[in-house]
Amino acid sequence: TNMFQNDIGIMYNVRKWISLGLERNTFHFKDKINDTWSFGIRPFARWYPYKSNKVNLFIEYGAGLSYSLNRFPLTGTGWKADTARTGTQFNLTSKYGIGAEFIFSNRFLFQSGIRHFHLSNGNFAGIQRNPSHDSNGFFLGFIYKPGLNKPK
């Protein structure tokens, strides 16, 4: 399954080595059987084992909720592909990954990394209604820090 993901959110530096955030997610899943959009919300945390004036390395984890326009994932297995091992519209998501923030100025950062993504309904609808989706991928993004007019 090909997956497009777009996140936008807020992040707050709790300490020098940890940030907490909340993001709104948009997903599009497409393959021979699936073609749906999902929308969700996910709190997350980032730990920074290394920080400098040019780059910050981080480890991140987040888990949240997602709602799809169609049931997802459809597996196409069994005698009736629309019911056998068919997902639900309401799902749970999780992500974890590693990355780096590259500092351009005191307001703008570029981020890049690798991430694992998981989506399933947590077996709420029973084992036959809980196929999952797992994927690994690269991500790119920008971070904007408003209101930081302090000189370096």
Protein backbone atom coordinates (compact mmCIF):
# COMPACT_ATOMS: atom_id res chain seq x y z
CA THR A 1 0.00 0.00 0.00
CA ASN A 2 1.26 3.45 -0.85
CA MET A 3 0.67 5.94 1.93
CA PHE A 4 0.80 9.73 1.85
CA GLN A 5 0.92 11.42 5.26
CA ASN A 6 0.72 15.10 6.14
CA ASP A 7 1.07 16.36 9.72
CA ILE A 8 0.65 19.85 11.11
CA GLY A 9 0.79 20.65 14.77
CA ILE A 10 2.29 22.41 17.72
CA MET A 11 5.29 21.43 19.81
CA TYR A 12 6.43 22.81 23.15
CA ASN A 13 9.93 22.46 24.62
CA VAL A 14 9.32 21.17 28.15
CA ARG A 15 13.03 20.89 28.92
CA LYS A 16 16.19 21.19 26.84
CA TRP A 17 16.06 17.44 26.10
CA ILE A 18 12.29 16.86 25.61
CA SER A 19 9.42 18.38 23.61
CA LEU A 20 5.73 17.50 23.70
CA GLY A 21 3.38 18.09 20.80
CA LEU A 22 -0.02 17.56 19.27
CA GLU A 23 -0.49 17.04 15.54
CA ARG A 24 -3.39 16.80 13.12
CA ASN A 25 -2.86 14.00 10.58
CA THR A 26 -4.08 13.46 7.03
CA PHE A 27 -3.41 10.08 5.41
CA HIS A 28 -4.17 8.67 1.97
CA PHE A 29 -3.89 4.91 1.50
CA LYS A 30 -3.91 3.49 -2.04
CA ASP A 31 -3.30 0.05 -3.54
CA LYS A 32 -5.24 -2.46 -5.70
CA ILE A 33 -7.98 -2.78 -3.06
CA ASN A 34 -7.73 0.31 -0.82
CA ASP A 35 -8.25 3.94 -1.77
CA THR A 36 -9.27 6.08 1.18
CA TRP A 37 -8.45 9.20 3.14
CA SER A 38 -8.09 9.21 6.94
CA PHE A 39 -7.94 12.11 9.37
CA GLY A 40 -6.68 12.01 12.91
CA ILE A 41 -5.09 13.61 15.90
CA ARG A 42 -2.01 12.38 17.73
CA PRO A 43 -0.05 13.60 20.77
CA PHE A 44 3.69 12.88 20.60
CA ALA A 45 6.98 13.34 22.42
CA ARG A 46 10.51 13.98 21.19
CA TRP A 47 13.65 13.22 23.17
CA TYR A 48 16.89 14.97 22.20
CA PRO A 49 20.01 12.95 23.07
CA TYR A 50 22.18 15.52 21.22
CA LYS A 51 21.71 19.27 20.64
CA SER A 52 24.05 21.86 19.13
CA ASN A 53 23.85 25.24 17.39
CA LYS A 54 23.51 23.55 13.97
CA VAL A 55 21.68 20.24 14.47
CA ASN A 56 19.45 18.48 17.03
CA LEU A 57 19.11 14.68 16.95
CA PHE A 58 15.83 13.24 18.24
CA ILE A 59 13.86 10.09 18.98
CA GLU A 60 10.08 10.42 18.76
CA TYR A 61 6.96 8.48 19.70
CA GLY A 62 3.26 9.27 19.36
CA ALA A 63 -0.12 7.53 19.47
CA GLY A 64 -3.57 8.79 18.54
CA LEU A 65 -6.93 8.37 16.83
CA SER A 66 -7.90 8.25 13.16
CA TYR A 67 -11.16 8.19 11.20
CA SER A 68 -11.24 6.98 7.57
CA LEU A 69 -13.79 7.89 4.91
CA ASN A 70 -14.00 4.15 4.05
CA ARG A 71 -13.26 1.03 6.07
CA PHE A 72 -9.51 0.43 6.17
CA PRO A 73 -7.62 -1.76 5.58
CA LEU A 74 -9.46 -3.99 3.15
CA THR A 75 -7.43 -7.16 2.67
CA GLY A 76 -9.13 -8.85 -0.27
CA THR A 77 -8.92 -12.25 1.43
CA GLY A 78 -11.67 -14.79 1.91
CA TRP A 79 -14.72 -15.50 -0.24
CA LYS A 80 -16.18 -12.02 0.30
CA ALA A 81 -13.41 -9.41 0.05
CA ASP A 82 -15.56 -6.64 1.49
CA THR A 83 -16.15 -8.43 4.83
CA ALA A 84 -13.34 -10.96 5.43
CA ARG A 85 -10.50 -9.39 7.43
CA THR A 86 -11.90 -5.92 6.82
CA GLY A 87 -10.82 -2.97 8.91
CA THR A 88 -13.02 -0.27 10.35
CA GLN A 89 -13.40 3.45 9.82
CA PHE A 90 -12.26 4.26 13.37
CA ASN A 91 -8.64 3.27 14.06
CA LEU A 92 -5.74 3.92 16.40
CA THR A 93 -2.35 5.08 15.13
CA SER A 94 1.17 5.06 16.45
CA LYS A 95 4.50 6.29 15.16
CA TYR A 96 8.09 6.07 16.29
CA GLY A 97 11.25 7.18 14.61
CA ILE A 98 14.56 8.98 14.66
CA GLY A 99 15.56 12.18 12.97
CA ALA A 100 17.44 15.43 12.94
CA GLU A 101 16.46 19.08 13.07
CA PHE A 102 18.78 21.35 11.07
CA ILE A 103 18.82 24.90 12.44
CA PHE A 104 18.66 27.71 9.84
CA SER A 105 17.90 30.54 12.29
CA ASN A 106 16.37 31.02 15.72
CA ARG A 107 12.92 30.70 14.05
CA PHE A 108 13.31 28.16 11.22
CA LEU A 109 14.37 24.51 11.37
CA PHE A 110 14.33 21.79 8.72
CA GLN A 111 13.61 18.24 9.92
CA SER A 112 14.27 14.87 8.33
CA GLY A 113 14.28 11.27 9.50
CA ILE A 114 12.86 7.77 9.29
CA ARG A 115 9.68 6.59 10.95
CA HIS A 116 7.55 3.48 11.50
CA PHE A 117 3.76 3.93 11.30
CA HIS A 118 1.08 1.54 12.59
CA LEU A 119 -2.70 1.69 12.19
CA SER A 120 -5.30 -0.75 13.54
CA ASN A 121 -8.53 -0.67 15.51
CA GLY A 122 -6.97 -2.31 18.56
CA ASN A 123 -9.16 -5.41 18.18
CA PHE A 124 -12.24 -3.44 19.33
CA ALA A 125 -14.35 -5.02 16.57
CA GLY A 126 -12.92 -8.53 17.00
CA ILE A 127 -10.01 -10.33 15.38
CA GLN A 128 -11.76 -10.69 12.00
CA ARG A 129 -12.25 -6.92 11.84
CA ASN A 130 -8.71 -5.93 12.87
CA PRO A 131 -6.24 -6.19 10.03
CA SER A 132 -3.50 -3.64 10.50
CA HIS A 133 -1.36 -1.43 8.34
CA ASP A 134 2.36 -1.01 9.05
CA SER A 135 4.78 1.04 7.00
CA ASN A 136 8.24 2.53 7.19
CA GLY A 137 9.27 5.71 5.46
CA PHE A 138 11.26 8.89 5.29
CA PHE A 139 9.87 12.25 6.33
CA LEU A 140 10.78 15.86 5.66
CA GLY A 141 9.37 18.98 7.24
CA PHE A 142 9.77 22.49 8.53
CA ILE A 143 9.49 23.84 12.05
CA TYR A 144 8.62 27.49 12.65
CA LYS A 145 9.14 29.03 16.09
CA PRO A 146 7.02 32.19 16.40
CA GLY A 147 7.76 35.04 18.79
CA LEU A 148 11.47 34.43 19.19
CA ASN A 149 13.02 37.84 18.69
CA LYS A 150 15.87 37.26 21.12
CA PRO A 151 19.34 37.80 19.68
CA LYS A 152 21.62 34.78 19.58
